[in-house]
Amino acid sequence: MTFKDLKKRVASEVTTQESKIFERLSDKPFWIWDTKEYKQEDIRTEGKCCFNHLISLPTKNGEEKPLFDYENLLDSS
């Protein structure tokens, strides 16, 4: 196997991984602000309800934090 072949193979694998990640995130909202809707979607998707739950919630001092109300203003704009 030449370096050129190896480069093509690695590039192909990276593209495949990126494609899979994009597929998982493409239909998801950034965050579900309505509590009732969030709970239903959380159960239906087994915790993979929105972008933030797929990539992980923000943390502070090792504790997961939800998005705050003022961040909804940024999400809506």
N, C-alpha and C. Protein backbone atom coordinates (compact mmCIF):
# COMPACT_ATOMS: atom_id res chain seq x y z
N MET A 1 0.85 -1.17 0.00
CA MET A 1 0.00 0.00 0.00
C MET A 1 0.90 1.24 0.00
N THR A 2 0.63 2.14 -0.90
CA THR A 2 1.42 3.37 -0.99
C THR A 2 0.83 4.43 -0.07
N PHE A 3 1.61 5.47 0.14
CA PHE A 3 1.14 6.59 0.96
C PHE A 3 -0.10 7.21 0.34
N LYS A 4 -0.14 7.29 -0.98
CA LYS A 4 -1.29 7.86 -1.68
C LYS A 4 -2.55 7.01 -1.41
N ASP A 5 -2.41 5.69 -1.45
CA ASP A 5 -3.54 4.80 -1.17
C ASP A 5 -4.01 4.97 0.27
N LEU A 6 -3.05 5.06 1.19
CA LEU A 6 -3.38 5.23 2.60
C LEU A 6 -4.12 6.55 2.83
N LYS A 7 -3.65 7.60 2.18
CA LYS A 7 -4.28 8.91 2.30
C LYS A 7 -5.73 8.86 1.82
N LYS A 8 -5.98 8.19 0.69
CA LYS A 8 -7.34 8.06 0.17
C LYS A 8 -8.22 7.28 1.14
N ARG A 9 -7.67 6.22 1.70
CA ARG A 9 -8.44 5.39 2.63
C ARG A 9 -8.82 6.16 3.90
N VAL A 10 -7.86 6.89 4.45
CA VAL A 10 -8.12 7.68 5.66
C VAL A 10 -9.14 8.77 5.35
N ALA A 11 -8.99 9.45 4.23
CA ALA A 11 -9.93 10.51 3.85
C ALA A 11 -11.34 9.94 3.68
N SER A 12 -11.44 8.76 3.12
CA SER A 12 -12.74 8.12 2.93
C SER A 12 -13.39 7.79 4.27
N GLU A 13 -12.61 7.28 5.21
CA GLU A 13 -13.13 6.93 6.53
C GLU A 13 -13.58 8.17 7.29
N VAL A 14 -12.81 9.25 7.21
CA VAL A 14 -13.17 10.49 7.88
C VAL A 14 -14.47 11.03 7.31
N THR A 15 -14.60 11.02 5.99
CA THR A 15 -15.82 11.50 5.34
C THR A 15 -17.01 10.66 5.78
N THR A 16 -16.84 9.36 5.89
CA THR A 16 -17.93 8.48 6.33
C THR A 16 -18.33 8.81 7.76
N GLN A 17 -17.37 9.01 8.64
CA GLN A 17 -17.67 9.35 10.04
C GLN A 17 -18.38 10.70 10.13
N GLU A 18 -17.91 11.69 9.38
CA GLU A 18 -18.55 13.00 9.38
C GLU A 18 -19.98 12.90 8.88
N SER A 19 -20.19 12.08 7.88
CA SER A 19 -21.52 11.90 7.32
C SER A 19 -22.47 11.29 8.35
N LYS A 20 -21.99 10.31 9.10
CA LYS A 20 -22.81 9.68 10.14
C LYS A 20 -23.17 10.68 11.24
N ILE A 21 -22.21 11.50 11.64
CA ILE A 21 -22.46 12.51 12.66
C ILE A 21 -23.49 13.51 12.15
N PHE A 22 -23.32 13.96 10.92
CA PHE A 22 -24.26 14.92 10.35
C PHE A 22 -25.67 14.34 10.29
N GLU A 23 -25.78 13.06 9.90
CA GLU A 23 -27.10 12.42 9.85
C GLU A 23 -27.77 12.41 11.22
N ARG A 24 -27.02 12.13 12.26
CA ARG A 24 -27.58 12.08 13.61
C ARG A 24 -28.05 13.45 14.08
N LEU A 25 -27.37 14.50 13.65
CA LEU A 25 -27.68 15.84 14.13
C LEU A 25 -28.64 16.62 13.23
N SER A 26 -28.78 16.21 12.00
CA SER A 26 -29.48 17.05 11.02
C SER A 26 -30.95 17.31 11.33
N ASP A 27 -31.66 16.36 11.90
CA ASP A 27 -33.08 16.56 12.16
C ASP A 27 -33.38 17.02 13.58
N LYS A 28 -32.37 17.25 14.35
CA LYS A 28 -32.57 17.57 15.76
C LYS A 28 -32.62 19.07 15.99
N PRO A 29 -33.54 19.51 16.85
CA PRO A 29 -33.53 20.92 17.24
C PRO A 29 -32.32 21.20 18.14
N PHE A 30 -31.93 22.44 18.23
CA PHE A 30 -30.81 22.81 19.09
C PHE A 30 -31.13 22.47 20.54
N TRP A 31 -32.34 22.79 20.97
CA TRP A 31 -32.80 22.55 22.34
C TRP A 31 -34.31 22.55 22.31
N ILE A 32 -34.96 21.77 23.16
CA ILE A 32 -36.42 21.75 23.24
C ILE A 32 -36.82 22.53 24.48
N TRP A 33 -37.37 23.72 24.26
CA TRP A 33 -37.65 24.63 25.37
C TRP A 33 -38.93 24.26 26.13
N ASP A 34 -39.90 23.70 25.45
CA ASP A 34 -41.15 23.32 26.09
C ASP A 34 -40.93 22.03 26.90
N THR A 35 -41.16 22.10 28.22
CA THR A 35 -40.86 20.99 29.12
C THR A 35 -41.64 19.73 28.76
N LYS A 36 -42.92 19.87 28.46
CA LYS A 36 -43.74 18.71 28.13
C LYS A 36 -43.25 18.05 26.84
N GLU A 37 -43.00 18.87 25.84
CA GLU A 37 -42.50 18.37 24.56
C GLU A 37 -41.13 17.70 24.75
N TYR A 38 -40.29 18.33 25.57
CA TYR A 38 -38.96 17.77 25.84
C TYR A 38 -39.07 16.38 26.47
N LYS A 39 -39.92 16.22 27.48
CA LYS A 39 -40.05 14.94 28.17
C LYS A 39 -40.52 13.85 27.21
N GLN A 40 -41.50 14.17 26.36
CA GLN A 40 -42.00 13.20 25.39
C GLN A 40 -40.91 12.78 24.40
N GLU A 41 -40.20 13.76 23.88
CA GLU A 41 -39.14 13.48 22.91
C GLU A 41 -37.97 12.75 23.55
N ASP A 42 -37.67 13.08 24.79
CA ASP A 42 -36.59 12.42 25.52
C ASP A 42 -36.89 10.93 25.68
N ILE A 43 -38.13 10.61 26.02
CA ILE A 43 -38.54 9.21 26.17
C ILE A 43 -38.53 8.51 24.82
N ARG A 44 -39.11 9.18 23.82
CA ARG A 44 -39.21 8.58 22.48
C ARG A 44 -37.85 8.26 21.88
N THR A 45 -36.86 9.15 22.09
CA THR A 45 -35.54 8.99 21.48
C THR A 45 -34.49 8.43 22.43
N GLU A 46 -34.92 8.02 23.62
CA GLU A 46 -34.01 7.47 24.62
C GLU A 46 -32.85 8.43 24.94
N GLY A 47 -33.20 9.70 25.17
CA GLY A 47 -32.22 10.69 25.58
C GLY A 47 -31.48 11.38 24.46
N LYS A 48 -31.84 11.11 23.22
CA LYS A 48 -31.18 11.74 22.07
C LYS A 48 -32.15 12.70 21.39
N CYS A 49 -32.73 13.59 22.18
CA CYS A 49 -33.84 14.42 21.72
C CYS A 49 -33.40 15.69 20.99
N CYS A 50 -32.22 16.21 21.28
CA CYS A 50 -31.81 17.48 20.67
C CYS A 50 -30.29 17.51 20.52
N PHE A 51 -29.82 18.50 19.80
CA PHE A 51 -28.39 18.68 19.55
C PHE A 51 -27.59 18.64 20.84
N ASN A 52 -28.04 19.38 21.85
CA ASN A 52 -27.28 19.47 23.09
C ASN A 52 -27.21 18.15 23.84
N HIS A 53 -28.25 17.34 23.77
CA HIS A 53 -28.20 16.04 24.44
C HIS A 53 -27.39 15.02 23.64
N LEU A 54 -27.26 15.23 22.35
CA LEU A 54 -26.42 14.34 21.54
C LEU A 54 -24.94 14.63 21.75
N ILE A 55 -24.58 15.90 21.83
CA ILE A 55 -23.15 16.22 21.98
C ILE A 55 -22.74 16.35 23.43
N SER A 56 -23.69 16.47 24.34
CA SER A 56 -23.48 16.60 25.79
C SER A 56 -23.83 18.00 26.24
N LEU A 57 -24.49 18.05 27.35
CA LEU A 57 -24.86 19.35 27.92
C LEU A 57 -23.62 20.09 28.38
N PRO A 58 -23.70 21.42 28.44
CA PRO A 58 -22.58 22.18 28.99
C PRO A 58 -22.36 21.79 30.45
N THR A 59 -21.14 21.85 30.90
CA THR A 59 -20.84 21.51 32.29
C THR A 59 -20.13 22.66 32.98
N LYS A 60 -20.31 22.72 34.29
CA LYS A 60 -19.59 23.67 35.13
C LYS A 60 -19.20 22.92 36.39
N ASN A 61 -17.93 22.92 36.69
CA ASN A 61 -17.40 22.18 37.83
C ASN A 61 -17.84 20.72 37.80
N GLY A 62 -17.86 20.13 36.61
CA GLY A 62 -18.21 18.73 36.44
C GLY A 62 -19.69 18.42 36.50
N GLU A 63 -20.54 19.42 36.65
CA GLU A 63 -21.99 19.22 36.74
C GLU A 63 -22.66 19.69 35.45
N GLU A 64 -23.50 18.82 34.86
CA GLU A 64 -24.22 19.20 33.64
C GLU A 64 -25.21 20.31 33.94
N LYS A 65 -25.30 21.25 33.04
CA LYS A 65 -26.21 22.39 33.18
C LYS A 65 -27.14 22.46 31.98
N PRO A 66 -28.42 22.73 32.20
CA PRO A 66 -29.32 22.94 31.06
C PRO A 66 -29.05 24.32 30.47
N LEU A 67 -29.65 24.58 29.34
CA LEU A 67 -29.56 25.93 28.79
C LEU A 67 -30.44 26.85 29.62
N PHE A 68 -30.04 28.08 29.73
CA PHE A 68 -30.78 29.05 30.53
C PHE A 68 -31.76 29.83 29.65
N ASP A 69 -32.76 30.43 30.28
CA ASP A 69 -33.80 31.14 29.54
C ASP A 69 -33.24 32.20 28.59
N TYR A 70 -32.23 32.94 29.03
CA TYR A 70 -31.70 33.99 28.14
C TYR A 70 -31.08 33.39 26.88
N GLU A 71 -30.66 32.13 26.94
CA GLU A 71 -30.08 31.50 25.75
C GLU A 71 -31.17 31.19 24.72
N ASN A 72 -32.41 31.10 25.15
CA ASN A 72 -33.52 30.91 24.23
C ASN A 72 -33.63 32.12 23.28
N LEU A 73 -33.32 33.29 23.77
CA LEU A 73 -33.34 34.49 22.93
C LEU A 73 -32.34 34.34 21.80
N LEU A 74 -31.17 33.78 22.10
CA LEU A 74 -30.15 33.59 21.08
C LEU A 74 -30.54 32.50 20.09
N ASP A 75 -31.17 31.45 20.60
CA ASP A 75 -31.60 30.32 19.77
C ASP A 75 -32.72 30.75 18.82
N SER A 76 -33.57 31.65 19.25
CA SER A 76 -34.73 32.07 18.46
C SER A 76 -34.38 33.09 17.39
N SER A 77 -33.25 33.75 17.52
CA SER A 77 -32.92 34.81 16.56
C SER A 77 -32.33 34.30 15.28
